[in-house]
Amino acid sequence: MISHNLKKASLLVVALLLSVGSYAQTATPPKIGYTNLDYLLSLMPEVKQVESELQAYEKQLSTQLESKYQEYQKKMEEYQKGASSGLMSDLVKQDKEKELVNLQSSIKEFEEKAQQDLQKKQVSLLEPVYDKIQKSIDKVAAANGFTYVFNTHADMGGSAIILYARNKEEDISSLVLKDLGVTTPAATSTTPTTTTPPKK
């Protein structure tokens, strides 16, 4: 249930600038770290509860929408039956047609608002989890002397961000998960192969 677009909208890029002054004074190359927010989020125990609450909320909205559909279908059948019998006056016919149009508008409005409410609910439920991850990233980055930390799956304008990392040890995902108290699956790969940006 966790939408990928909403996750990117919540945190497109994680960039930590912790020691620019130190870099300028010592001319020491900045220490670049990276992690994968999708990976970190997928292992957070809170996510199961978030998914459960979202599913329950979505079911509630779907039940209400289905009720509106059934009401519309019932009134449509009544209208068609009355119109085909020839016993429905023009005034009653016009009134029922107006009622059907209003029901259609109500259903469309409810669908749009339900989608918006579901997205807001997801953002609201995930925000504390993202905050918890961000605080852990800040803590791990500061403790390990990283100058920048980037999200390997961050996306801007549809183009993947080029990531530079000197070696595999620069991946701080395991450190963040350890700080969060989350067990890392032995067979799970944390990040894709890193790339080095082209020389300008």
N, C-alpha and C. Protein backbone atom coordinates (compact mmCIF):
# COMPACT_ATOMS: atom_id res chain seq x y z
N MET A 1 0.79 -1.19 0.00
CA MET A 1 0.00 0.00 0.00
C MET A 1 0.83 1.25 0.00
N ILE A 2 2.02 1.08 0.34
CA ILE A 2 2.84 2.27 0.45
C ILE A 2 3.23 2.73 -0.94
N SER A 3 2.72 3.89 -1.30
CA SER A 3 2.98 4.39 -2.62
C SER A 3 4.39 4.85 -2.80
N HIS A 4 4.96 4.46 -3.95
CA HIS A 4 6.36 4.84 -4.24
C HIS A 4 6.47 6.33 -4.47
N ASN A 5 5.46 6.91 -5.19
CA ASN A 5 5.50 8.35 -5.48
C ASN A 5 5.43 9.17 -4.20
N LEU A 6 4.60 8.70 -3.24
CA LEU A 6 4.50 9.43 -1.99
C LEU A 6 5.77 9.37 -1.18
N LYS A 7 6.45 8.26 -1.27
CA LYS A 7 7.74 8.16 -0.56
C LYS A 7 8.74 9.12 -1.16
N LYS A 8 8.77 9.23 -2.51
CA LYS A 8 9.70 10.17 -3.15
C LYS A 8 9.31 11.61 -2.82
N ALA A 9 7.96 11.84 -2.70
CA ALA A 9 7.53 13.18 -2.39
C ALA A 9 7.90 13.57 -0.97
N SER A 10 7.89 12.59 -0.06
CA SER A 10 8.23 12.86 1.34
C SER A 10 9.70 13.21 1.49
N LEU A 11 10.60 12.48 0.81
CA LEU A 11 12.05 12.76 0.90
C LEU A 11 12.68 12.45 -0.44
N LEU A 12 12.80 13.43 -1.33
CA LEU A 12 13.39 13.18 -2.65
C LEU A 12 14.89 12.99 -2.54
N VAL A 13 15.56 13.85 -1.74
CA VAL A 13 17.02 13.76 -1.62
C VAL A 13 17.41 13.92 -0.16
N VAL A 14 18.30 13.05 0.33
CA VAL A 14 18.85 13.21 1.68
C VAL A 14 20.26 13.73 1.53
N ALA A 15 20.49 14.96 1.88
CA ALA A 15 21.84 15.53 1.74
C ALA A 15 22.25 16.16 3.05
N LEU A 16 23.30 15.67 3.64
CA LEU A 16 23.78 16.19 4.92
C LEU A 16 25.11 16.91 4.73
N LEU A 17 25.15 18.17 5.11
CA LEU A 17 26.39 18.94 5.06
C LEU A 17 26.83 19.17 6.49
N LEU A 18 27.80 18.34 6.97
CA LEU A 18 28.15 18.35 8.39
C LEU A 18 29.47 19.04 8.69
N SER A 19 30.36 19.12 7.68
CA SER A 19 31.67 19.67 8.02
C SER A 19 32.31 20.42 6.86
N VAL A 20 31.57 21.35 6.29
CA VAL A 20 32.10 22.13 5.17
C VAL A 20 33.26 23.00 5.63
N GLY A 21 33.13 23.60 6.82
CA GLY A 21 34.21 24.45 7.34
C GLY A 21 35.49 23.68 7.51
N SER A 22 35.37 22.48 8.03
CA SER A 22 36.55 21.63 8.22
C SER A 22 37.19 21.27 6.89
N TYR A 23 36.36 20.99 5.89
CA TYR A 23 36.87 20.64 4.56
C TYR A 23 37.65 21.80 3.94
N ALA A 24 37.10 23.04 4.11
CA ALA A 24 37.74 24.21 3.52
C ALA A 24 39.11 24.47 4.16
N GLN A 25 39.22 24.21 5.47
CA GLN A 25 40.45 24.50 6.18
C GLN A 25 41.53 23.45 5.94
N THR A 26 41.14 22.20 5.87
CA THR A 26 42.13 21.12 5.76
C THR A 26 42.33 20.60 4.35
N ALA A 27 41.45 20.97 3.44
CA ALA A 27 41.49 20.49 2.05
C ALA A 27 41.38 18.97 2.00
N THR A 28 40.79 18.37 3.02
CA THR A 28 40.55 16.94 3.03
C THR A 28 39.31 16.64 2.20
N PRO A 29 39.40 15.67 1.29
CA PRO A 29 38.23 15.35 0.46
C PRO A 29 37.02 15.02 1.34
N PRO A 30 35.86 15.51 0.97
CA PRO A 30 34.67 15.23 1.79
C PRO A 30 34.34 13.74 1.81
N LYS A 31 33.82 13.27 2.89
CA LYS A 31 33.43 11.87 3.02
C LYS A 31 31.98 11.74 2.58
N ILE A 32 31.77 10.98 1.52
CA ILE A 32 30.44 10.83 0.94
C ILE A 32 29.81 9.51 1.40
N GLY A 33 28.60 9.59 1.92
CA GLY A 33 27.86 8.39 2.30
C GLY A 33 26.57 8.31 1.52
N TYR A 34 26.03 7.13 1.45
CA TYR A 34 24.74 6.97 0.76
C TYR A 34 23.92 5.91 1.45
N THR A 35 22.62 5.99 1.24
CA THR A 35 21.71 4.98 1.77
C THR A 35 20.52 4.89 0.83
N ASN A 36 19.62 3.97 1.09
CA ASN A 36 18.45 3.76 0.25
C ASN A 36 17.22 3.85 1.15
N LEU A 37 16.48 4.94 1.05
CA LEU A 37 15.33 5.16 1.92
C LEU A 37 14.25 4.09 1.74
N ASP A 38 14.05 3.64 0.50
CA ASP A 38 13.06 2.59 0.27
C ASP A 38 13.44 1.32 1.04
N TYR A 39 14.72 1.01 1.01
CA TYR A 39 15.23 -0.17 1.71
C TYR A 39 15.06 -0.01 3.23
N LEU A 40 15.47 1.14 3.75
CA LEU A 40 15.35 1.39 5.19
C LEU A 40 13.89 1.32 5.62
N LEU A 41 13.02 1.98 4.85
CA LEU A 41 11.60 2.02 5.19
C LEU A 41 10.98 0.63 5.18
N SER A 42 11.37 -0.18 4.20
CA SER A 42 10.78 -1.51 4.07
C SER A 42 11.09 -2.41 5.26
N LEU A 43 12.16 -2.11 5.99
CA LEU A 43 12.56 -2.94 7.13
C LEU A 43 12.08 -2.40 8.47
N MET A 44 11.47 -1.23 8.46
CA MET A 44 10.99 -0.65 9.71
C MET A 44 9.75 -1.40 10.19
N PRO A 45 9.75 -1.85 11.45
CA PRO A 45 8.60 -2.61 11.96
C PRO A 45 7.31 -1.80 11.97
N GLU A 46 7.43 -0.47 12.06
CA GLU A 46 6.24 0.38 12.08
C GLU A 46 5.45 0.34 10.77
N VAL A 47 6.12 -0.02 9.68
CA VAL A 47 5.49 0.00 8.36
C VAL A 47 4.32 -0.98 8.28
N LYS A 48 4.43 -2.12 8.94
CA LYS A 48 3.34 -3.10 8.91
C LYS A 48 2.07 -2.52 9.53
N GLN A 49 2.25 -1.77 10.61
CA GLN A 49 1.10 -1.13 11.26
C GLN A 49 0.52 -0.04 10.36
N VAL A 50 1.40 0.70 9.69
CA VAL A 50 0.95 1.74 8.76
C VAL A 50 0.12 1.11 7.64
N GLU A 51 0.62 0.02 7.07
CA GLU A 51 -0.09 -0.65 5.99
C GLU A 51 -1.44 -1.17 6.46
N SER A 52 -1.48 -1.70 7.67
CA SER A 52 -2.72 -2.22 8.23
C SER A 52 -3.76 -1.11 8.40
N GLU A 53 -3.32 0.04 8.92
CA GLU A 53 -4.23 1.16 9.12
C GLU A 53 -4.71 1.73 7.78
N LEU A 54 -3.82 1.77 6.80
CA LEU A 54 -4.20 2.27 5.48
C LEU A 54 -5.22 1.36 4.81
N GLN A 55 -5.01 0.05 4.94
CA GLN A 55 -5.94 -0.91 4.36
C GLN A 55 -7.33 -0.79 4.99
N ALA A 56 -7.37 -0.61 6.31
CA ALA A 56 -8.64 -0.46 7.02
C ALA A 56 -9.34 0.83 6.59
N TYR A 57 -8.56 1.90 6.43
CA TYR A 57 -9.13 3.18 6.02
C TYR A 57 -9.64 3.11 4.58
N GLU A 58 -8.87 2.46 3.72
CA GLU A 58 -9.27 2.31 2.32
C GLU A 58 -10.55 1.47 2.21
N LYS A 59 -10.65 0.43 3.02
CA LYS A 59 -11.84 -0.42 3.01
C LYS A 59 -13.07 0.37 3.43
N GLN A 60 -12.89 1.23 4.42
CA GLN A 60 -14.00 2.08 4.88
C GLN A 60 -14.49 3.00 3.76
N LEU A 61 -13.55 3.61 3.06
CA LEU A 61 -13.91 4.49 1.95
C LEU A 61 -14.56 3.71 0.81
N SER A 62 -14.03 2.54 0.53
CA SER A 62 -14.57 1.70 -0.55
C SER A 62 -15.99 1.25 -0.26
N THR A 63 -16.26 0.94 1.01
CA THR A 63 -17.61 0.53 1.41
C THR A 63 -18.60 1.66 1.21
N GLN A 64 -18.18 2.86 1.58
CA GLN A 64 -19.06 4.03 1.41
C GLN A 64 -19.30 4.31 -0.08
N LEU A 65 -18.26 4.17 -0.88
CA LEU A 65 -18.39 4.41 -2.32
C LEU A 65 -19.30 3.37 -2.96
N GLU A 66 -19.15 2.13 -2.54
CA GLU A 66 -19.99 1.05 -3.07
C GLU A 66 -21.45 1.31 -2.74
N SER A 67 -21.71 1.84 -1.56
CA SER A 67 -23.07 2.16 -1.16
C SER A 67 -23.67 3.22 -2.08
N LYS A 68 -22.86 4.21 -2.45
CA LYS A 68 -23.32 5.25 -3.35
C LYS A 68 -23.59 4.68 -4.75
N TYR A 69 -22.74 3.78 -5.20
CA TYR A 69 -22.95 3.14 -6.51
C TYR A 69 -24.27 2.37 -6.53
N GLN A 70 -24.51 1.64 -5.46
CA GLN A 70 -25.73 0.83 -5.38
C GLN A 70 -26.97 1.71 -5.37
N GLU A 71 -26.90 2.83 -4.66
CA GLU A 71 -28.02 3.77 -4.64
C GLU A 71 -28.29 4.32 -6.04
N TYR A 72 -27.21 4.67 -6.72
CA TYR A 72 -27.35 5.20 -8.08
C TYR A 72 -27.96 4.15 -9.01
N GLN A 73 -27.45 2.92 -8.92
CA GLN A 73 -27.93 1.84 -9.78
C GLN A 73 -29.42 1.58 -9.54
N LYS A 74 -29.83 1.60 -8.29
CA LYS A 74 -31.23 1.36 -7.94
C LYS A 74 -32.13 2.44 -8.52
N LYS A 75 -31.74 3.69 -8.37
CA LYS A 75 -32.55 4.80 -8.88
C LYS A 75 -32.56 4.83 -10.41
N MET A 76 -31.44 4.40 -11.03
CA MET A 76 -31.39 4.33 -12.47
C MET A 76 -32.37 3.28 -13.00
N GLU A 77 -32.41 2.14 -12.34
CA GLU A 77 -33.34 1.08 -12.74
C GLU A 77 -34.79 1.52 -12.57
N GLU A 78 -35.07 2.24 -11.48
CA GLU A 78 -36.43 2.74 -11.26
C GLU A 78 -36.82 3.74 -12.34
N TYR A 79 -35.87 4.59 -12.69
CA TYR A 79 -36.12 5.59 -13.73
C TYR A 79 -36.38 4.92 -15.08
N GLN A 80 -35.55 3.98 -15.44
CA GLN A 80 -35.70 3.28 -16.73
C GLN A 80 -37.03 2.52 -16.80
N LYS A 81 -37.38 1.90 -15.69
CA LYS A 81 -38.63 1.14 -15.63
C LYS A 81 -39.83 2.06 -15.80
N GLY A 82 -39.79 3.20 -15.08
CA GLY A 82 -40.90 4.15 -15.17
C GLY A 82 -40.98 4.81 -16.53
N ALA A 83 -39.82 5.15 -17.10
CA ALA A 83 -39.81 5.81 -18.40
C ALA A 83 -40.32 4.89 -19.50
N SER A 84 -39.95 3.61 -19.43
CA SER A 84 -40.36 2.66 -20.47
C SER A 84 -41.84 2.29 -20.37
N SER A 85 -42.42 2.45 -19.18
CA SER A 85 -43.83 2.11 -19.00
C SER A 85 -44.76 3.14 -19.61
N GLY A 86 -44.25 4.36 -19.80
CA GLY A 86 -45.07 5.42 -20.36
C GLY A 86 -45.98 6.07 -19.34
N LEU A 87 -45.90 5.65 -18.09
CA LEU A 87 -46.77 6.17 -17.04
C LEU A 87 -46.11 7.33 -16.27
N MET A 88 -44.83 7.59 -16.55
CA MET A 88 -44.12 8.65 -15.83
C MET A 88 -44.36 10.00 -16.50
N SER A 89 -44.84 10.96 -15.74
CA SER A 89 -45.09 12.29 -16.30
C SER A 89 -43.77 12.98 -16.62
N ASP A 90 -43.82 13.97 -17.48
CA ASP A 90 -42.60 14.70 -17.87
C ASP A 90 -41.95 15.37 -16.67
N LEU A 91 -42.78 15.89 -15.74
CA LEU A 91 -42.25 16.56 -14.57
C LEU A 91 -41.50 15.58 -13.66
N VAL A 92 -42.09 14.41 -13.44
CA VAL A 92 -41.44 13.39 -12.61
C VAL A 92 -40.17 12.89 -13.29
N LYS A 93 -40.26 12.72 -14.61
CA LYS A 93 -39.11 12.25 -15.38
C LYS A 93 -37.94 13.22 -15.26
N GLN A 94 -38.23 14.51 -15.41
CA GLN A 94 -37.19 15.52 -15.30
C GLN A 94 -36.59 15.56 -13.90
N ASP A 95 -37.43 15.39 -12.90
CA ASP A 95 -36.97 15.40 -11.51
C ASP A 95 -36.03 14.23 -11.23
N LYS A 96 -36.40 13.05 -11.74
CA LYS A 96 -35.57 11.87 -11.53
C LYS A 96 -34.25 11.96 -12.31
N GLU A 97 -34.30 12.56 -13.51
CA GLU A 97 -33.07 12.76 -14.28
C GLU A 97 -32.12 13.70 -13.55
N LYS A 98 -32.70 14.75 -12.97
CA LYS A 98 -31.89 15.69 -12.19
C LYS A 98 -31.27 14.98 -10.98
N GLU A 99 -32.05 14.11 -10.35
CA GLU A 99 -31.56 13.38 -9.18
C GLU A 99 -30.41 12.46 -9.57
N LEU A 100 -30.51 11.81 -10.73
CA LEU A 100 -29.45 10.92 -11.19
C LEU A 100 -28.17 11.69 -11.50
N VAL A 101 -28.33 12.86 -12.10
CA VAL A 101 -27.16 13.70 -12.41
C VAL A 101 -26.46 14.13 -11.13
N ASN A 102 -27.25 14.50 -10.13
CA ASN A 102 -26.69 14.91 -8.84
C ASN A 102 -25.95 13.75 -8.16
N LEU A 103 -26.52 12.55 -8.28
CA LEU A 103 -25.88 11.37 -7.70
C LEU A 103 -24.55 11.08 -8.39
N GLN A 104 -24.53 11.24 -9.71
CA GLN A 104 -23.28 11.05 -10.46
C GLN A 104 -22.21 12.02 -9.99
N SER A 105 -22.60 13.27 -9.82
CA SER A 105 -21.66 14.30 -9.36
C SER A 105 -21.17 13.99 -7.95
N SER A 106 -22.08 13.51 -7.11
CA SER A 106 -21.72 13.17 -5.73
C SER A 106 -20.72 12.02 -5.69
N ILE A 107 -20.94 11.02 -6.55
CA ILE A 107 -20.03 9.88 -6.61
C ILE A 107 -18.65 10.31 -7.08
N LYS A 108 -18.61 11.13 -8.12
CA LYS A 108 -17.33 11.60 -8.65
C LYS A 108 -16.58 12.43 -7.61
N GLU A 109 -17.29 13.30 -6.92
CA GLU A 109 -16.68 14.14 -5.89
C GLU A 109 -16.14 13.28 -4.74
N PHE A 110 -16.92 12.26 -4.36
CA PHE A 110 -16.49 11.39 -3.27
C PHE A 110 -15.24 10.61 -3.67
N GLU A 111 -15.19 10.12 -4.91
CA GLU A 111 -14.02 9.38 -5.39
C GLU A 111 -12.76 10.23 -5.31
N GLU A 112 -12.86 11.47 -5.77
CA GLU A 112 -11.71 12.37 -5.77
C GLU A 112 -11.26 12.69 -4.34
N LYS A 113 -12.23 12.99 -3.48
CA LYS A 113 -11.89 13.34 -2.11
C LYS A 113 -11.35 12.12 -1.35
N ALA A 114 -11.89 10.94 -1.65
CA ALA A 114 -11.41 9.73 -0.99
C ALA A 114 -9.95 9.47 -1.32
N GLN A 115 -9.58 9.69 -2.58
CA GLN A 115 -8.19 9.50 -2.99
C GLN A 115 -7.27 10.49 -2.29
N GLN A 116 -7.72 11.73 -2.19
CA GLN A 116 -6.94 12.76 -1.51
C GLN A 116 -6.78 12.43 -0.02
N ASP A 117 -7.88 12.00 0.59
CA ASP A 117 -7.84 11.67 2.02
C ASP A 117 -6.93 10.48 2.29
N LEU A 118 -6.94 9.50 1.38
CA LEU A 118 -6.09 8.32 1.54
C LEU A 118 -4.61 8.71 1.46
N GLN A 119 -4.30 9.60 0.54
CA GLN A 119 -2.92 10.07 0.40
C GLN A 119 -2.49 10.86 1.63
N LYS A 120 -3.37 11.72 2.12
CA LYS A 120 -3.06 12.50 3.33
C LYS A 120 -2.85 11.57 4.52
N LYS A 121 -3.68 10.54 4.60
CA LYS A 121 -3.57 9.58 5.68
C LYS A 121 -2.22 8.86 5.62
N GLN A 122 -1.81 8.49 4.42
CA GLN A 122 -0.53 7.80 4.24
C GLN A 122 0.63 8.69 4.65
N VAL A 123 0.61 9.93 4.21
CA VAL A 123 1.67 10.87 4.56
C VAL A 123 1.71 11.07 6.07
N SER A 124 0.55 11.21 6.68
CA SER A 124 0.46 11.43 8.12
C SER A 124 1.02 10.24 8.90
N LEU A 125 0.73 9.02 8.45
CA LEU A 125 1.19 7.83 9.14
C LEU A 125 2.68 7.59 8.93
N LEU A 126 3.18 7.95 7.74
CA LEU A 126 4.59 7.70 7.44
C LEU A 126 5.53 8.78 7.97
N GLU A 127 5.01 9.95 8.22
CA GLU A 127 5.86 11.07 8.65
C GLU A 127 6.68 10.74 9.90
N PRO A 128 6.08 10.15 10.94
CA PRO A 128 6.89 9.82 12.13
C PRO A 128 7.99 8.80 11.83
N VAL A 129 7.72 7.89 10.90
CA VAL A 129 8.72 6.87 10.53
C VAL A 129 9.88 7.53 9.79
N TYR A 130 9.56 8.43 8.86
CA TYR A 130 10.60 9.14 8.14
C TYR A 130 11.43 10.02 9.08
N ASP A 131 10.74 10.65 10.04
CA ASP A 131 11.45 11.48 11.02
C ASP A 131 12.42 10.63 11.84
N LYS A 132 11.99 9.45 12.21
CA LYS A 132 12.83 8.55 12.99
C LYS A 132 14.06 8.13 12.19
N ILE A 133 13.85 7.81 10.90
CA ILE A 133 14.96 7.44 10.02
C ILE A 133 15.92 8.61 9.84
N GLN A 134 15.36 9.81 9.63
CA GLN A 134 16.19 11.00 9.40
C GLN A 134 17.07 11.30 10.61
N LYS A 135 16.50 11.18 11.81
CA LYS A 135 17.28 11.43 13.03
C LYS A 135 18.42 10.42 13.16
N SER A 136 18.12 9.19 12.78
CA SER A 136 19.16 8.15 12.84
C SER A 136 20.25 8.42 11.82
N ILE A 137 19.86 8.86 10.61
CA ILE A 137 20.84 9.20 9.57
C ILE A 137 21.73 10.34 10.06
N ASP A 138 21.12 11.36 10.65
CA ASP A 138 21.90 12.49 11.20
C ASP A 138 22.91 12.00 12.24
N LYS A 139 22.45 11.15 13.13
CA LYS A 139 23.29 10.63 14.21
C LYS A 139 24.44 9.79 13.68
N VAL A 140 24.13 8.87 12.76
CA VAL A 140 25.15 7.98 12.19
C VAL A 140 26.16 8.77 11.36
N ALA A 141 25.66 9.72 10.57
CA ALA A 141 26.54 10.52 9.72
C ALA A 141 27.51 11.35 10.56
N ALA A 142 27.01 11.96 11.62
CA ALA A 142 27.85 12.78 12.48
C ALA A 142 28.89 11.92 13.20
N ALA A 143 28.45 10.77 13.70
CA ALA A 143 29.34 9.88 14.45
C ALA A 143 30.44 9.28 13.59
N ASN A 144 30.18 9.15 12.29
CA ASN A 144 31.15 8.51 11.40
C ASN A 144 31.86 9.50 10.47
N GLY A 145 31.68 10.79 10.71
CA GLY A 145 32.42 11.80 9.98
C GLY A 145 32.05 11.98 8.52
N PHE A 146 30.80 11.72 8.15
CA PHE A 146 30.39 11.92 6.76
C PHE A 146 30.12 13.39 6.49
N THR A 147 30.51 13.84 5.32
CA THR A 147 30.23 15.21 4.90
C THR A 147 28.87 15.30 4.23
N TYR A 148 28.56 14.34 3.37
CA TYR A 148 27.27 14.27 2.70
C TYR A 148 26.74 12.84 2.76
N VAL A 149 25.42 12.73 2.77
CA VAL A 149 24.77 11.42 2.63
C VAL A 149 23.65 11.59 1.62
N PHE A 150 23.63 10.73 0.62
CA PHE A 150 22.61 10.82 -0.41
C PHE A 150 21.74 9.58 -0.47
N ASN A 151 20.55 9.76 -0.97
CA ASN A 151 19.64 8.64 -1.19
C ASN A 151 19.89 8.07 -2.58
N THR A 152 20.27 6.81 -2.67
CA THR A 152 20.62 6.22 -3.96
C THR A 152 19.44 6.12 -4.91
N HIS A 153 18.22 6.13 -4.37
CA HIS A 153 17.04 6.05 -5.23
C HIS A 153 16.31 7.37 -5.33
N ALA A 154 16.96 8.44 -4.93
CA ALA A 154 16.33 9.75 -5.05
C ALA A 154 16.13 10.08 -6.52
N ASP A 155 15.11 10.89 -6.80
CA ASP A 155 14.79 11.20 -8.19
C ASP A 155 14.39 12.67 -8.30
N MET A 156 14.94 13.34 -9.30
CA MET A 156 14.59 14.74 -9.54
C MET A 156 14.24 14.92 -11.00
N GLY A 157 13.00 15.32 -11.26
CA GLY A 157 12.59 15.56 -12.62
C GLY A 157 12.66 14.33 -13.50
N GLY A 158 12.57 13.16 -12.91
CA GLY A 158 12.60 11.93 -13.69
C GLY A 158 14.00 11.43 -13.97
N SER A 159 15.04 12.16 -13.58
CA SER A 159 16.42 11.73 -13.82
C SER A 159 17.07 11.30 -12.50
N ALA A 160 17.65 10.11 -12.50
CA ALA A 160 18.28 9.60 -11.29
C ALA A 160 19.51 10.43 -10.95
N ILE A 161 19.70 10.69 -9.66
CA ILE A 161 20.85 11.46 -9.21
C ILE A 161 22.10 10.60 -9.32
N ILE A 162 23.17 11.17 -9.86
CA ILE A 162 24.45 10.46 -9.94
C ILE A 162 25.08 10.47 -8.56
N LEU A 163 25.49 9.32 -8.10
CA LEU A 163 26.03 9.18 -6.76
C LEU A 163 27.50 8.82 -6.80
N TYR A 164 28.29 9.46 -5.97
CA TYR A 164 29.70 9.11 -5.85
C TYR A 164 29.96 8.58 -4.45
N ALA A 165 30.62 7.43 -4.39
CA ALA A 165 31.03 6.87 -3.11
C ALA A 165 32.36 6.18 -3.33
N ARG A 166 33.33 6.41 -2.44
CA ARG A 166 34.68 5.87 -2.66
C ARG A 166 34.74 4.36 -2.58
N ASN A 167 33.95 3.74 -1.69
CA ASN A 167 33.97 2.30 -1.58
C ASN A 167 32.69 1.80 -0.95
N LYS A 168 32.55 0.49 -0.92
CA LYS A 168 31.33 -0.13 -0.42
C LYS A 168 31.05 0.25 1.02
N GLU A 169 32.10 0.50 1.81
CA GLU A 169 31.91 0.82 3.21
C GLU A 169 31.21 2.17 3.41
N GLU A 170 31.12 2.96 2.33
CA GLU A 170 30.46 4.24 2.47
C GLU A 170 28.94 4.10 2.57
N ASP A 171 28.40 2.90 2.28
CA ASP A 171 26.97 2.66 2.43
C ASP A 171 26.66 2.60 3.93
N ILE A 172 25.89 3.57 4.43
CA ILE A 172 25.61 3.63 5.86
C ILE A 172 24.30 2.96 6.24
N SER A 173 23.65 2.28 5.30
CA SER A 173 22.35 1.67 5.59
C SER A 173 22.41 0.74 6.79
N SER A 174 23.44 -0.12 6.84
CA SER A 174 23.55 -1.07 7.94
C SER A 174 23.76 -0.35 9.27
N LEU A 175 24.50 0.77 9.25
CA LEU A 175 24.73 1.54 10.47
C LEU A 175 23.44 2.18 10.96
N VAL A 176 22.65 2.70 10.01
CA VAL A 176 21.38 3.32 10.38
C VAL A 176 20.42 2.28 10.95
N LEU A 177 20.34 1.13 10.28
CA LEU A 177 19.46 0.06 10.76
C LEU A 177 19.87 -0.43 12.14
N LYS A 178 21.19 -0.50 12.36
CA LYS A 178 21.69 -0.92 13.67
C LYS A 178 21.29 0.09 14.73
N ASP A 179 21.41 1.38 14.39
CA ASP A 179 21.04 2.43 15.32
C ASP A 179 19.55 2.39 15.63
N LEU A 180 18.75 2.02 14.62
CA LEU A 180 17.31 1.93 14.78
C LEU A 180 16.88 0.64 15.48
N GLY A 181 17.83 -0.29 15.65
CA GLY A 181 17.51 -1.56 16.29
C GLY A 181 16.78 -2.52 15.38
N VAL A 182 16.99 -2.35 14.05
CA VAL A 182 16.32 -3.21 13.06
C VAL A 182 17.31 -4.24 12.55
N THR A 183 16.91 -5.50 12.53
CA THR A 183 17.76 -6.59 12.05
C THR A 183 17.82 -6.57 10.53
N THR A 184 19.01 -6.65 9.97
CA THR A 184 19.20 -6.65 8.53
C THR A 184 19.10 -8.06 7.97
N PRO A 185 18.23 -8.29 6.97
CA PRO A 185 18.16 -9.62 6.35
C PRO A 185 19.49 -9.97 5.71
N ALA A 186 19.98 -11.17 5.96
CA ALA A 186 21.31 -11.58 5.47
C ALA A 186 21.39 -11.60 3.97
N ALA A 187 20.29 -11.96 3.30
CA ALA A 187 20.34 -12.13 1.84
C ALA A 187 19.88 -10.91 1.08
N THR A 188 19.60 -9.82 1.79
CA THR A 188 19.08 -8.63 1.13
C THR A 188 20.20 -7.68 0.73
N SER A 189 20.18 -7.25 -0.53
CA SER A 189 21.15 -6.26 -1.00
C SER A 189 20.63 -4.89 -0.69
N THR A 190 21.44 -4.07 -0.04
CA THR A 190 20.97 -2.78 0.43
C THR A 190 20.89 -1.74 -0.67
N THR A 191 21.85 -1.72 -1.57
CA THR A 191 21.87 -0.69 -2.59
C THR A 191 22.38 -1.24 -3.90
N PRO A 192 22.02 -0.59 -5.01
CA PRO A 192 22.56 -1.01 -6.29
C PRO A 192 24.01 -0.59 -6.42
N THR A 193 24.68 -1.05 -7.47
CA THR A 193 26.07 -0.68 -7.70
C THR A 193 26.20 0.82 -7.85
N THR A 194 27.19 1.41 -7.21
CA THR A 194 27.36 2.84 -7.27
C THR A 194 28.05 3.24 -8.56
N THR A 195 27.87 4.49 -8.91
CA THR A 195 28.49 5.01 -10.12
C THR A 195 29.27 6.26 -9.79
N THR A 196 30.23 6.54 -10.59
CA THR A 196 31.04 7.75 -10.42
C THR A 196 30.63 8.76 -11.47
N PRO A 197 30.33 10.00 -11.06
CA PRO A 197 29.88 11.00 -12.03
C PRO A 197 30.96 11.31 -13.05
N PRO A 198 30.57 11.60 -14.30
CA PRO A 198 31.55 11.91 -15.32
C PRO A 198 32.31 13.17 -15.02
N LYS A 199 33.55 13.24 -15.48
CA LYS A 199 34.36 14.44 -15.27
C LYS A 199 33.79 15.58 -16.10
N LYS A 200 33.77 16.75 -15.49
CA LYS A 200 33.28 17.94 -16.24
C LYS A 200 34.39 18.52 -17.09
